Amino acid sequence: MDDVAKVTKAAYDSCNSTSPISRWTNGPATISLNLSGEHFFISTFDRRCSLGEKLAINVSAASGPAPAPTTTPTPPAASAPTPTTTPTRSPVTYTVGDGVGWNVLVNTTQAYELWAANKTFM
């Protein structure tokens, strides 16, 4: 059994789970990160957080097409270029851990880098 708790940065740094913002005890946990900024998650079981069972995520604001400029109309040029738009991406859900809880790997940095390769997080 395991759980995941959303905590403050200070609680994340010290692995303090006494006052979590939110806590999920039934897995797998599905957490929507709808607000930009930093989000911190830890395990509250035993010493698992101090052994590395924690996750920090920085969510950036989604980028969209630039707003149209407000200018005084001018006569069209002889060959004006056609404006292009940036395609938008659909959200993708990634599952961290497995069905029985978070899996603390021996080399967590290398495992995370392998998992995160070729993924763009927004």
Protein backbone atom coordinates (compact mmCIF):
# COMPACT_ATOMS: atom_id res chain seq x y z
CA MET A 1 0.00 0.00 0.00
CA ASP A 2 1.08 3.53 -0.69
CA ASP A 3 -0.39 6.97 -1.17
CA VAL A 4 0.47 10.31 -2.72
CA ALA A 5 0.11 13.72 -1.08
CA LYS A 6 0.27 17.15 -2.68
CA VAL A 7 2.33 19.38 -0.39
CA THR A 8 3.99 22.79 -0.23
CA LYS A 9 7.58 23.33 -1.42
CA ALA A 10 8.80 23.47 2.19
CA ALA A 11 7.04 20.19 3.03
CA TYR A 12 8.44 18.63 -0.16
CA ASP A 13 12.00 19.69 0.72
CA SER A 14 11.74 18.33 4.28
CA CYS A 15 9.49 15.33 3.46
CA ASN A 16 6.94 16.63 5.97
CA SER A 17 3.52 15.07 5.39
CA THR A 18 1.72 16.38 8.49
CA SER A 19 -0.40 18.99 6.63
CA PRO A 20 -0.88 17.92 3.00
CA ILE A 21 -2.83 20.12 0.59
CA SER A 22 -4.48 16.96 -0.84
CA ARG A 23 -3.98 13.23 -0.37
CA TRP A 24 -4.91 10.22 -2.51
CA THR A 25 -5.00 6.80 -0.84
CA ASN A 26 -6.57 4.68 -3.60
CA GLY A 27 -4.61 4.09 -6.76
CA PRO A 28 -3.87 4.60 -9.37
CA ALA A 29 -4.14 8.32 -8.62
CA THR A 30 -5.20 10.56 -11.49
CA ILE A 31 -4.31 14.17 -10.85
CA SER A 32 -5.19 16.97 -13.28
CA LEU A 33 -2.74 19.86 -13.22
CA ASN A 34 -4.93 22.69 -14.49
CA LEU A 35 -2.99 25.56 -12.90
CA SER A 36 0.41 26.76 -14.01
CA GLY A 37 3.20 26.80 -11.44
CA GLU A 38 5.05 24.31 -9.30
CA HIS A 39 3.29 21.26 -7.85
CA PHE A 40 4.92 18.98 -5.25
CA PHE A 41 3.96 15.38 -4.43
CA ILE A 42 5.36 12.96 -1.85
CA SER A 43 4.61 9.58 -0.33
CA THR A 44 3.56 9.74 3.34
CA PHE A 45 4.40 6.11 4.11
CA ASP A 46 7.39 5.31 6.33
CA ARG A 47 10.62 6.83 5.00
CA ARG A 48 9.66 6.54 1.34
CA CYS A 49 9.86 10.28 0.67
CA SER A 50 13.34 10.55 2.17
CA LEU A 51 14.34 7.57 0.00
CA GLY A 52 13.29 9.50 -3.11
CA GLU A 53 9.61 8.77 -3.53
CA LYS A 54 8.64 12.32 -4.40
CA LEU A 55 7.87 14.31 -7.53
CA ALA A 56 8.06 18.02 -8.41
CA ILE A 57 6.27 19.25 -11.54
CA ASN A 58 6.43 22.74 -13.04
CA VAL A 59 3.42 23.46 -15.25
CA SER A 60 3.78 26.27 -17.79
CA ALA A 61 0.84 28.20 -19.17
CA ALA A 62 -0.38 26.74 -22.45
CA SER A 63 0.61 28.75 -25.46
CA GLY A 64 -1.93 29.59 -28.10
CA PRO A 65 -2.16 31.75 -31.16
CA ALA A 66 -1.01 35.33 -30.66
CA PRO A 67 -3.79 37.89 -30.37
CA ALA A 68 -4.43 39.94 -33.48
CA PRO A 69 -2.76 43.35 -33.38
CA THR A 70 -5.00 46.40 -33.28
CA THR A 71 -3.85 48.86 -35.94
CA THR A 72 -5.36 51.38 -38.31
CA PRO A 73 -6.33 49.66 -41.57
CA THR A 74 -4.04 50.32 -44.52
CA PRO A 75 -4.49 49.47 -48.17
CA PRO A 76 -3.42 45.86 -48.92
CA ALA A 77 0.02 45.32 -50.40
CA ALA A 78 0.38 43.85 -53.85
CA SER A 79 1.47 40.44 -52.56
CA ALA A 80 0.74 40.15 -48.84
CA PRO A 81 1.91 36.85 -47.26
CA THR A 82 -0.72 34.46 -45.97
CA PRO A 83 -0.72 34.33 -42.15
CA THR A 84 0.04 30.98 -40.54
CA THR A 85 -1.16 29.62 -37.22
CA THR A 86 0.64 27.42 -34.75
CA PRO A 87 -1.04 24.00 -34.36
CA THR A 88 -2.28 23.21 -30.86
CA ARG A 89 -1.63 19.94 -29.06
CA SER A 90 -4.14 17.82 -27.24
CA PRO A 91 -3.34 17.00 -23.59
CA VAL A 92 -1.57 13.69 -22.96
CA THR A 93 -1.82 11.73 -19.72
CA TYR A 94 1.29 10.00 -18.39
CA THR A 95 1.04 7.51 -15.52
CA VAL A 96 3.79 7.70 -12.90
CA GLY A 97 4.45 4.47 -11.04
CA ASP A 98 2.62 1.18 -11.37
CA GLY A 99 -0.59 -0.44 -10.14
CA VAL A 100 0.73 -1.18 -6.64
CA GLY A 101 2.19 2.26 -5.92
CA TRP A 102 5.20 4.29 -6.92
CA ASN A 103 8.19 2.26 -7.96
CA VAL A 104 11.41 3.61 -6.41
CA LEU A 105 14.17 2.67 -8.81
CA VAL A 106 17.85 2.31 -7.95
CA ASN A 107 18.98 5.00 -10.41
CA THR A 108 15.99 7.35 -10.36
CA THR A 109 17.68 10.14 -12.38
CA GLN A 110 18.53 7.85 -15.27
CA ALA A 111 15.12 6.14 -15.15
CA TYR A 112 13.31 9.50 -15.22
CA GLU A 113 15.46 10.84 -18.07
CA LEU A 114 14.74 7.69 -20.11
CA TRP A 115 10.99 7.98 -19.37
CA ALA A 116 10.88 11.72 -20.14
CA ALA A 117 12.90 11.50 -23.38
CA ASN A 118 11.06 12.91 -26.41
CA LYS A 119 8.18 14.22 -24.28
CA THR A 120 7.28 17.91 -24.11
CA PHE A 121 5.74 19.01 -20.83
CA MET A 122 3.66 22.20 -20.84
